[in-house]
Amino acid sequence: MAKKEYKYSEITEKIIGCALKVDQRMRSGYPDDIEVGKRRVDFLIENRVIEIKAVSQPRDSPLAQALNYLAAFILEIGLLISFGSKSLEVKRLIK
């Protein structure tokens, strides 16, 4: 359920739900028989709210880059999603 106190929570909760489905399908890592593409992907959703950085582990560099994207594109909300851990990790970025 979307938390009303978060701006654009209806969108971010859908994105997190999709990320959970991907994580469940892929588990921890990418099996050889499933092609996903590059491990690092940026998405701008609905041209107004979200920049997503999908990384193998949340580190300072992707976090800094995501924050820079928020500032450069004058966005308020971002998600930093890590598929590399035993379970999905999501950081909500608010500018």
PDB file of N, CA and C in Angstrom:
ATOM      1  N   MET A   1       0.843  -1.178   0.000  1.00  0.00           N
ATOM      2  CA  MET A   1       0.000   0.000   0.000  1.00  0.00           C
ATOM      3  C   MET A   1       0.889   1.243   0.000  1.00  0.00           C
ATOM      4  N   ALA A   2       0.547   2.225  -0.826  1.00  0.00           N
ATOM      5  CA  ALA A   2       1.322   3.453  -0.937  1.00  0.00           C
ATOM      6  C   ALA A   2       1.178   4.289   0.332  1.00  0.00           C
ATOM      7  N   LYS A   3       2.279   4.837   0.776  1.00  0.00           N
ATOM      8  CA  LYS A   3       2.253   5.695   1.954  1.00  0.00           C
ATOM      9  C   LYS A   3       1.952   7.113   1.504  1.00  0.00           C
ATOM     10  N   LYS A   4       0.891   7.663   2.003  1.00  0.00           N
ATOM     11  CA  LYS A   4       0.430   8.984   1.577  1.00  0.00           C
ATOM     12  C   LYS A   4       1.435  10.091   1.911  1.00  0.00           C
ATOM     13  N   GLU A   5       2.266   9.878   2.932  1.00  0.00           N
ATOM     14  CA  GLU A   5       3.193  10.935   3.324  1.00  0.00           C
ATOM     15  C   GLU A   5       4.343  11.105   2.337  1.00  0.00           C
ATOM     16  N   TYR A   6       4.537  10.137   1.433  1.00  0.00           N
ATOM     17  CA  TYR A   6       5.583  10.241   0.424  1.00  0.00           C
ATOM     18  C   TYR A   6       5.023  10.872  -0.843  1.00  0.00           C
ATOM     19  N   LYS A   7       5.699  11.880  -1.342  1.00  0.00           N
ATOM     20  CA  LYS A   7       5.285  12.489  -2.598  1.00  0.00           C
ATOM     21  C   LYS A   7       5.437  11.476  -3.721  1.00  0.00           C
ATOM     22  N   TYR A   8       4.442  11.405  -4.586  1.00  0.00           N
ATOM     23  CA  TYR A   8       4.428  10.492  -5.740  1.00  0.00           C
ATOM     24  C   TYR A   8       4.495   9.034  -5.320  1.00  0.00           C
ATOM     25  N   SER A   9       3.979   8.722  -4.145  1.00  0.00           N
ATOM     26  CA  SER A   9       4.060   7.342  -3.651  1.00  0.00           C
ATOM     27  C   SER A   9       3.315   6.359  -4.542  1.00  0.00           C
ATOM     28  N   GLU A  10       2.260   6.806  -5.231  1.00  0.00           N
ATOM     29  CA  GLU A  10       1.533   5.886  -6.109  1.00  0.00           C
ATOM     30  C   GLU A  10       2.431   5.384  -7.242  1.00  0.00           C
ATOM     31  N   ILE A  11       3.347   6.213  -7.697  1.00  0.00           N
ATOM     32  CA  ILE A  11       4.269   5.808  -8.765  1.00  0.00           C
ATOM     33  C   ILE A  11       5.423   4.991  -8.193  1.00  0.00           C
ATOM     34  N   THR A  12       6.028   5.484  -7.120  1.00  0.00           N
ATOM     35  CA  THR A  12       7.187   4.785  -6.566  1.00  0.00           C
ATOM     36  C   THR A  12       6.826   3.398  -6.066  1.00  0.00           C
ATOM     37  N   GLU A  13       5.635   3.228  -5.500  1.00  0.00           N
ATOM     38  CA  GLU A  13       5.236   1.907  -5.018  1.00  0.00           C
ATOM     39  C   GLU A  13       5.061   0.920  -6.177  1.00  0.00           C
ATOM     40  N   LYS A  14       4.562   1.398  -7.320  1.00  0.00           N
ATOM     41  CA  LYS A  14       4.450   0.537  -8.508  1.00  0.00           C
ATOM     42  C   LYS A  14       5.837   0.118  -8.993  1.00  0.00           C
ATOM     43  N   ILE A  15       6.766   1.073  -8.988  1.00  0.00           N
ATOM     44  CA  ILE A  15       8.137   0.783  -9.435  1.00  0.00           C
ATOM     45  C   ILE A  15       8.786  -0.237  -8.506  1.00  0.00           C
ATOM     46  N   ILE A  16       8.639  -0.031  -7.201  1.00  0.00           N
ATOM     47  CA  ILE A  16       9.218  -0.960  -6.228  1.00  0.00           C
ATOM     48  C   ILE A  16       8.589  -2.344  -6.390  1.00  0.00           C
ATOM     49  N   GLY A  17       7.291  -2.391  -6.645  1.00  0.00           N
ATOM     50  CA  GLY A  17       6.620  -3.666  -6.875  1.00  0.00           C
ATOM     51  C   GLY A  17       7.189  -4.385  -8.093  1.00  0.00           C
ATOM     52  N   CYS A  18       7.432  -3.649  -9.158  1.00  0.00           N
ATOM     53  CA  CYS A  18       8.038  -4.245 -10.356  1.00  0.00           C
ATOM     54  C   CYS A  18       9.456  -4.721 -10.060  1.00  0.00           C
ATOM     55  N   ALA A  19      10.211  -3.935  -9.308  1.00  0.00           N
ATOM     56  CA  ALA A  19      11.580  -4.332  -8.945  1.00  0.00           C
ATOM     57  C   ALA A  19      11.565  -5.610  -8.116  1.00  0.00           C
ATOM     58  N   LEU A  20      10.592  -5.747  -7.223  1.00  0.00           N
ATOM     59  CA  LEU A  20      10.466  -6.970  -6.420  1.00  0.00           C
ATOM     60  C   LEU A  20      10.193  -8.185  -7.309  1.00  0.00           C
ATOM     61  N   LYS A  21       9.343  -8.010  -8.329  1.00  0.00           N
ATOM     62  CA  LYS A  21       9.058  -9.109  -9.256  1.00  0.00           C
ATOM     63  C   LYS A  21      10.318  -9.518 -10.019  1.00  0.00           C
ATOM     64  N   VAL A  22      11.097  -8.526 -10.470  1.00  0.00           N
ATOM     65  CA  VAL A  22      12.353  -8.822 -11.166  1.00  0.00           C
ATOM     66  C   VAL A  22      13.300  -9.541 -10.230  1.00  0.00           C
ATOM     67  N   ASP A  23      13.405  -9.052  -8.994  1.00  0.00           N
ATOM     68  CA  ASP A  23      14.310  -9.651  -8.016  1.00  0.00           C
ATOM     69  C   ASP A  23      13.917 -11.095  -7.708  1.00  0.00           C
ATOM     70  N   GLN A  24      12.618 -11.352  -7.582  1.00  0.00           N
ATOM     71  CA  GLN A  24      12.150 -12.714  -7.312  1.00  0.00           C
ATOM     72  C   GLN A  24      12.478 -13.638  -8.479  1.00  0.00           C
ATOM     73  N   ARG A  25      12.355 -13.132  -9.684  1.00  0.00           N
ATOM     74  CA  ARG A  25      12.619 -13.940 -10.883  1.00  0.00           C
ATOM     75  C   ARG A  25      14.109 -14.210 -11.048  1.00  0.00           C
ATOM     76  N   MET A  26      14.917 -13.202 -10.764  1.00  0.00           N
ATOM     77  CA  MET A  26      16.349 -13.315 -11.005  1.00  0.00           C
ATOM     78  C   MET A  26      17.117 -13.852  -9.802  1.00  0.00           C
ATOM     79  N   ARG A  27      16.496 -13.797  -8.636  1.00  0.00           N
ATOM     80  CA  ARG A  27      17.164 -14.167  -7.385  1.00  0.00           C
ATOM     81  C   ARG A  27      18.396 -13.277  -7.207  1.00  0.00           C
ATOM     82  N   SER A  28      19.424 -13.784  -6.596  1.00  0.00           N
ATOM     83  CA  SER A  28      20.641 -13.003  -6.391  1.00  0.00           C
ATOM     84  C   SER A  28      21.605 -13.274  -7.540  1.00  0.00           C
ATOM     85  N   GLY A  29      21.509 -12.478  -8.560  1.00  0.00           N
ATOM     86  CA  GLY A  29      22.369 -12.648  -9.728  1.00  0.00           C
ATOM     87  C   GLY A  29      21.555 -12.973 -10.960  1.00  0.00           C
ATOM     88  N   TYR A  30      22.230 -13.082 -12.072  1.00  0.00           N
ATOM     89  CA  TYR A  30      21.587 -13.320 -13.343  1.00  0.00           C
ATOM     90  C   TYR A  30      22.017 -14.660 -13.902  1.00  0.00           C
ATOM     91  N   PRO A  31      21.109 -15.633 -13.975  1.00  0.00           N
ATOM     92  CA  PRO A  31      21.470 -16.918 -14.572  1.00  0.00           C
ATOM     93  C   PRO A  31      21.872 -16.742 -16.036  1.00  0.00           C
ATOM     94  N   ASP A  32      22.753 -17.613 -16.521  1.00  0.00           N
ATOM     95  CA  ASP A  32      23.264 -17.487 -17.892  1.00  0.00           C
ATOM     96  C   ASP A  32      22.179 -17.582 -18.950  1.00  0.00           C
ATOM     97  N   ASP A  33      21.108 -18.294 -18.673  1.00  0.00           N
ATOM     98  CA  ASP A  33      20.092 -18.484 -19.702  1.00  0.00           C
ATOM     99  C   ASP A  33      19.072 -17.343 -19.771  1.00  0.00           C
ATOM    100  N   ILE A  34      19.213 -16.324 -18.926  1.00  0.00           N
ATOM    101  CA  ILE A  34      18.296 -15.191 -18.949  1.00  0.00           C
ATOM    102  C   ILE A  34      19.100 -13.927 -19.246  1.00  0.00           C
ATOM    103  N   GLU A  35      18.766 -13.284 -20.366  1.00  0.00           N
ATOM    104  CA  GLU A  35      19.469 -12.050 -20.732  1.00  0.00           C
ATOM    105  C   GLU A  35      18.663 -10.858 -20.262  1.00  0.00           C
ATOM    106  N   VAL A  36      19.291 -10.002 -19.481  1.00  0.00           N
ATOM    107  CA  VAL A  36      18.615  -8.851 -18.922  1.00  0.00           C
ATOM    108  C   VAL A  36      19.095  -7.564 -19.562  1.00  0.00           C
ATOM    109  N   GLY A  37      20.311  -7.521 -19.986  1.00  0.00           N
ATOM    110  CA  GLY A  37      20.887  -6.289 -20.500  1.00  0.00           C
ATOM    111  C   GLY A  37      21.960  -5.817 -19.559  1.00  0.00           C
ATOM    112  N   LYS A  38      22.252  -4.546 -19.608  1.00  0.00           N
ATOM    113  CA  LYS A  38      23.288  -3.988 -18.749  1.00  0.00           C
ATOM    114  C   LYS A  38      22.790  -3.927 -17.308  1.00  0.00           C
ATOM    115  N   ARG A  39      23.723  -4.062 -16.377  1.00  0.00           N
ATOM    116  CA  ARG A  39      23.351  -4.089 -14.959  1.00  0.00           C
ATOM    117  C   ARG A  39      23.007  -2.709 -14.420  1.00  0.00           C
ATOM    118  N   ARG A  40      23.394  -1.666 -15.122  1.00  0.00           N
ATOM    119  CA  ARG A  40      23.190  -0.311 -14.642  1.00  0.00           C
ATOM    120  C   ARG A  40      22.228   0.397 -15.572  1.00  0.00           C
ATOM    121  N   VAL A  41      21.067   0.764 -15.079  1.00  0.00           N
ATOM    122  CA  VAL A  41      20.037   1.327 -15.935  1.00  0.00           C
ATOM    123  C   VAL A  41      19.462   2.579 -15.288  1.00  0.00           C
ATOM    124  N   ASP A  42      19.230   3.601 -16.085  1.00  0.00           N
ATOM    125  CA  ASP A  42      18.579   4.820 -15.616  1.00  0.00           C
ATOM    126  C   ASP A  42      17.205   4.908 -16.259  1.00  0.00           C
ATOM    127  N   PHE A  43      16.219   5.285 -15.482  1.00  0.00           N
ATOM    128  CA  PHE A  43      14.870   5.485 -15.994  1.00  0.00           C
ATOM    129  C   PHE A  43      14.336   6.828 -15.516  1.00  0.00           C
ATOM    130  N   LEU A  44      13.685   7.543 -16.394  1.00  0.00           N
ATOM    131  CA  LEU A  44      12.927   8.728 -16.014  1.00  0.00           C
ATOM    132  C   LEU A  44      11.475   8.380 -16.292  1.00  0.00           C
ATOM    133  N   ILE A  45      10.664   8.357 -15.270  1.00  0.00           N
ATOM    134  CA  ILE A  45       9.293   7.885 -15.399  1.00  0.00           C
ATOM    135  C   ILE A  45       8.331   9.061 -15.307  1.00  0.00           C
ATOM    136  N   GLU A  46       7.437   9.112 -16.282  1.00  0.00           N
ATOM    137  CA  GLU A  46       6.422  10.155 -16.393  1.00  0.00           C
ATOM    138  C   GLU A  46       7.022  11.548 -16.525  1.00  0.00           C
ATOM    139  N   ASN A  47       8.241  11.647 -16.936  1.00  0.00           N
ATOM    140  CA  ASN A  47       8.891  12.931 -17.200  1.00  0.00           C
ATOM    141  C   ASN A  47       8.776  13.949 -16.071  1.00  0.00           C
ATOM    142  N   ARG A  48       8.579  13.470 -14.867  1.00  0.00           N
ATOM    143  CA  ARG A  48       8.424  14.446 -13.797  1.00  0.00           C
ATOM    144  C   ARG A  48       8.922  14.016 -12.445  1.00  0.00           C
ATOM    145  N   VAL A  49       9.075  12.746 -12.206  1.00  0.00           N
ATOM    146  CA  VAL A  49       9.288  12.377 -10.820  1.00  0.00           C
ATOM    147  C   VAL A  49      10.495  11.538 -10.502  1.00  0.00           C
ATOM    148  N   ILE A  50      10.774  10.534 -11.249  1.00  0.00           N
ATOM    149  CA  ILE A  50      11.661   9.505 -10.740  1.00  0.00           C
ATOM    150  C   ILE A  50      12.864   9.302 -11.637  1.00  0.00           C
ATOM    151  N   GLU A  51      13.995   9.152 -11.035  1.00  0.00           N
ATOM    152  CA  GLU A  51      15.200   8.662 -11.702  1.00  0.00           C
ATOM    153  C   GLU A  51      15.614   7.423 -10.942  1.00  0.00           C
ATOM    154  N   ILE A  52      15.745   6.314 -11.629  1.00  0.00           N
ATOM    155  CA  ILE A  52      16.110   5.066 -10.961  1.00  0.00           C
ATOM    156  C   ILE A  52      17.503   4.662 -11.382  1.00  0.00           C
ATOM    157  N   LYS A  53      18.275   4.240 -10.440  1.00  0.00           N
ATOM    158  CA  LYS A  53      19.603   3.717 -10.689  1.00  0.00           C
ATOM    159  C   LYS A  53      19.612   2.299 -10.175  1.00  0.00           C
ATOM    160  N   ALA A  54      19.684   1.332 -11.061  1.00  0.00           N
ATOM    161  CA  ALA A  54      19.722  -0.066 -10.640  1.00  0.00           C
ATOM    162  C   ALA A  54      21.181  -0.504 -10.601  1.00  0.00           C
ATOM    163  N   VAL A  55      21.673  -0.830  -9.431  1.00  0.00           N
ATOM    164  CA  VAL A  55      23.082  -1.156  -9.246  1.00  0.00           C
ATOM    165  C   VAL A  55      23.213  -2.495  -8.534  1.00  0.00           C
ATOM    166  N   SER A  56      24.399  -3.084  -8.640  1.00  0.00           N
ATOM    167  CA  SER A  56      24.595  -4.367  -7.965  1.00  0.00           C
ATOM    168  C   SER A  56      24.698  -4.191  -6.457  1.00  0.00           C
ATOM    169  N   GLN A  57      25.263  -3.078  -6.002  1.00  0.00           N
ATOM    170  CA  GLN A  57      25.319  -2.772  -4.570  1.00  0.00           C
ATOM    171  C   GLN A  57      25.236  -1.259  -4.398  1.00  0.00           C
ATOM    172  N   PRO A  58      24.430  -0.779  -3.447  1.00  0.00           N
ATOM    173  CA  PRO A  58      24.339   0.665  -3.258  1.00  0.00           C
ATOM    174  C   PRO A  58      25.623   1.209  -2.650  1.00  0.00           C
ATOM    175  N   ARG A  59      26.323   1.976  -3.412  1.00  0.00           N
ATOM    176  CA  ARG A  59      27.572   2.592  -2.955  1.00  0.00           C
ATOM    177  C   ARG A  59      27.438   4.098  -3.046  1.00  0.00           C
ATOM    178  N   ASP A  60      28.448   4.820  -2.571  1.00  0.00           N
ATOM    179  CA  ASP A  60      28.399   6.275  -2.582  1.00  0.00           C
ATOM    180  C   ASP A  60      28.358   6.846  -3.993  1.00  0.00           C
ATOM    181  N   SER A  61      29.101   6.264  -4.935  1.00  0.00           N
ATOM    182  CA  SER A  61      29.162   6.794  -6.292  1.00  0.00           C
ATOM    183  C   SER A  61      27.800   6.800  -6.984  1.00  0.00           C
ATOM    184  N   PRO A  62      27.061   5.672  -7.041  1.00  0.00           N
ATOM    185  CA  PRO A  62      25.726   5.722  -7.644  1.00  0.00           C
ATOM    186  C   PRO A  62      24.770   6.642  -6.895  1.00  0.00           C
ATOM    187  N   LEU A  63      24.907   6.717  -5.585  1.00  0.00           N
ATOM    188  CA  LEU A  63      24.063   7.607  -4.793  1.00  0.00           C
ATOM    189  C   LEU A  63      24.329   9.056  -5.185  1.00  0.00           C
ATOM    190  N   ALA A  64      25.593   9.427  -5.266  1.00  0.00           N
ATOM    191  CA  ALA A  64      25.951  10.791  -5.658  1.00  0.00           C
ATOM    192  C   ALA A  64      25.462  11.095  -7.069  1.00  0.00           C
ATOM    193  N   GLN A  65      25.611  10.143  -7.975  1.00  0.00           N
ATOM    194  CA  GLN A  65      25.159  10.339  -9.350  1.00  0.00           C
ATOM    195  C   GLN A  65      23.638  10.505  -9.407  1.00  0.00           C
ATOM    196  N   ALA A  66      22.912   9.698  -8.674  1.00  0.00           N
ATOM    197  CA  ALA A  66      21.451   9.808  -8.648  1.00  0.00           C
ATOM    198  C   ALA A  66      21.022  11.161  -8.091  1.00  0.00           C
ATOM    199  N   LEU A  67      21.682  11.620  -7.039  1.00  0.00           N
ATOM    200  CA  LEU A  67      21.363  12.938  -6.476  1.00  0.00           C
ATOM    201  C   LEU A  67      21.683  14.049  -7.464  1.00  0.00           C
ATOM    202  N   ASN A  68      22.779  13.897  -8.202  1.00  0.00           N
ATOM    203  CA  ASN A  68      23.125  14.875  -9.232  1.00  0.00           C
ATOM    204  C   ASN A  68      22.067  14.909 -10.335  1.00  0.00           C
ATOM    205  N   TYR A  69      21.561  13.722 -10.730  1.00  0.00           N
ATOM    206  CA  TYR A  69      20.500  13.670 -11.734  1.00  0.00           C
ATOM    207  C   TYR A  69      19.246  14.366 -11.242  1.00  0.00           C
ATOM    208  N   LEU A  70      18.899  14.165  -9.989  1.00  0.00           N
ATOM    209  CA  LEU A  70      17.731  14.842  -9.436  1.00  0.00           C
ATOM    210  C   LEU A  70      17.886  16.355  -9.551  1.00  0.00           C
ATOM    211  N   ALA A  71      19.065  16.845  -9.220  1.00  0.00           N
ATOM    212  CA  ALA A  71      19.314  18.287  -9.302  1.00  0.00           C
ATOM    213  C   ALA A  71      19.328  18.767 -10.753  1.00  0.00           C
ATOM    214  N   ALA A  72      20.007  18.044 -11.628  1.00  0.00           N
ATOM    215  CA  ALA A  72      20.142  18.459 -13.024  1.00  0.00           C
ATOM    216  C   ALA A  72      18.800  18.484 -13.753  1.00  0.00           C
ATOM    217  N   PHE A  73      17.954  17.505 -13.482  1.00  0.00           N
ATOM    218  CA  PHE A  73      16.665  17.422 -14.156  1.00  0.00           C
ATOM    219  C   PHE A  73      15.538  18.076 -13.366  1.00  0.00           C
ATOM    220  N   ILE A  74      15.909  18.721 -12.259  1.00  0.00           N
ATOM    221  CA  ILE A  74      14.967  19.405 -11.378  1.00  0.00           C
ATOM    222  C   ILE A  74      13.826  18.452 -10.985  1.00  0.00           C
ATOM    223  N   LEU A  75      14.223  17.302 -10.467  1.00  0.00           N
ATOM    224  CA  LEU A  75      13.278  16.294  -9.978  1.00  0.00           C
ATOM    225  C   LEU A  75      13.319  16.265  -8.458  1.00  0.00           C
ATOM    226  N   GLU A  76      12.236  15.845  -7.861  1.00  0.00           N
ATOM    227  CA  GLU A  76      12.157  15.826  -6.406  1.00  0.00           C
ATOM    228  C   GLU A  76      12.375  14.451  -5.797  1.00  0.00           C
ATOM    229  N   ILE A  77      12.043  13.393  -6.531  1.00  0.00           N
ATOM    230  CA  ILE A  77      12.053  12.046  -5.977  1.00  0.00           C
ATOM    231  C   ILE A  77      12.869  11.117  -6.862  1.00  0.00           C
ATOM    232  N   GLY A  78      13.658  10.265  -6.228  1.00  0.00           N
ATOM    233  CA  GLY A  78      14.418   9.255  -6.946  1.00  0.00           C
ATOM    234  C   GLY A  78      14.430   7.963  -6.155  1.00  0.00           C
ATOM    235  N   LEU A  79      14.740   6.883  -6.851  1.00  0.00           N
ATOM    236  CA  LEU A  79      14.897   5.592  -6.187  1.00  0.00           C
ATOM    237  C   LEU A  79      16.238   5.015  -6.578  1.00  0.00           C
ATOM    238  N   LEU A  80      16.968   4.530  -5.611  1.00  0.00           N
ATOM    239  CA  LEU A  80      18.215   3.809  -5.840  1.00  0.00           C
ATOM    240  C   LEU A  80      17.925   2.363  -5.488  1.00  0.00           C
ATOM    241  N   ILE A  81      17.970   1.489  -6.489  1.00  0.00           N
ATOM    242  CA  ILE A  81      17.573   0.090  -6.301  1.00  0.00           C
ATOM    243  C   ILE A  81      18.781  -0.811  -6.489  1.00  0.00           C
ATOM    244  N   SER A  82      19.009  -1.692  -5.534  1.00  0.00           N
ATOM    245  CA  SER A  82      20.114  -2.641  -5.600  1.00  0.00           C
ATOM    246  C   SER A  82      19.576  -4.048  -5.731  1.00  0.00           C
ATOM    247  N   PHE A  83      19.959  -4.725  -6.826  1.00  0.00           N
ATOM    248  CA  PHE A  83      19.580  -6.112  -7.048  1.00  0.00           C
ATOM    249  C   PHE A  83      20.681  -7.072  -6.621  1.00  0.00           C
ATOM    250  N   GLY A  84      21.812  -6.579  -6.144  1.00  0.00           N
ATOM    251  CA  GLY A  84      22.968  -7.426  -5.890  1.00  0.00           C
ATOM    252  C   GLY A  84      23.021  -8.096  -4.537  1.00  0.00           C
ATOM    253  N   SER A  85      22.162  -7.724  -3.630  1.00  0.00           N
ATOM    254  CA  SER A  85      22.173  -8.304  -2.285  1.00  0.00           C
ATOM    255  C   SER A  85      21.290  -9.545  -2.228  1.00  0.00           C
ATOM    256  N   LYS A  86      21.267 -10.200  -1.065  1.00  0.00           N
ATOM    257  CA  LYS A  86      20.391 -11.366  -0.896  1.00  0.00           C
ATOM    258  C   LYS A  86      18.927 -10.989  -1.061  1.00  0.00           C
ATOM    259  N   SER A  87      18.579  -9.782  -0.653  1.00  0.00           N
ATOM    260  CA  SER A  87      17.223  -9.280  -0.872  1.00  0.00           C
ATOM    261  C   SER A  87      17.311  -7.889  -1.497  1.00  0.00           C
ATOM    262  N   LEU A  88      16.261  -7.501  -2.167  1.00  0.00           N
ATOM    263  CA  LEU A  88      16.211  -6.219  -2.848  1.00  0.00           C
ATOM    264  C   LEU A  88      16.395  -5.084  -1.842  1.00  0.00           C
ATOM    265  N   GLU A  89      17.223  -4.110  -2.210  1.00  0.00           N
ATOM    266  CA  GLU A  89      17.411  -2.924  -1.372  1.00  0.00           C
ATOM    267  C   GLU A  89      16.947  -1.707  -2.152  1.00  0.00           C
ATOM    268  N   VAL A  90      16.131  -0.864  -1.506  1.00  0.00           N
ATOM    269  CA  VAL A  90      15.607   0.341  -2.144  1.00  0.00           C
ATOM    270  C   VAL A  90      15.874   1.522  -1.235  1.00  0.00           C
ATOM    271  N   LYS A  91      16.435   2.575  -1.812  1.00  0.00           N
ATOM    272  CA  LYS A  91      16.607   3.831  -1.081  1.00  0.00           C
ATOM    273  C   LYS A  91      15.778   4.888  -1.796  1.00  0.00           C
ATOM    274  N   ARG A  92      14.918   5.542  -1.058  1.00  0.00           N
ATOM    275  CA  ARG A  92      14.103   6.630  -1.610  1.00  0.00           C
ATOM    276  C   ARG A  92      14.899   7.915  -1.433  1.00  0.00           C
ATOM    277  N   LEU A  93      15.097   8.633  -2.521  1.00  0.00           N
ATOM    278  CA  LEU A  93      15.846   9.894  -2.492  1.00  0.00           C
ATOM    279  C   LEU A  93      14.867  11.046  -2.627  1.00  0.00           C
ATOM    280  N   ILE A  94      14.948  11.985  -1.716  1.00  0.00           N
ATOM    281  CA  ILE A  94      14.048  13.139  -1.718  1.00  0.00           C
ATOM    282  C   ILE A  94      14.885  14.395  -1.752  1.00  0.00           C
ATOM    283  N   LYS A  95      14.637  15.233  -2.745  1.00  0.00           N
ATOM    284  CA  LYS A  95      15.403  16.470  -2.869  1.00  0.00           C
ATOM    285  C   LYS A  95      14.641  17.600  -2.233  1.00  0.00           C
TER     286      LYS A  95
END
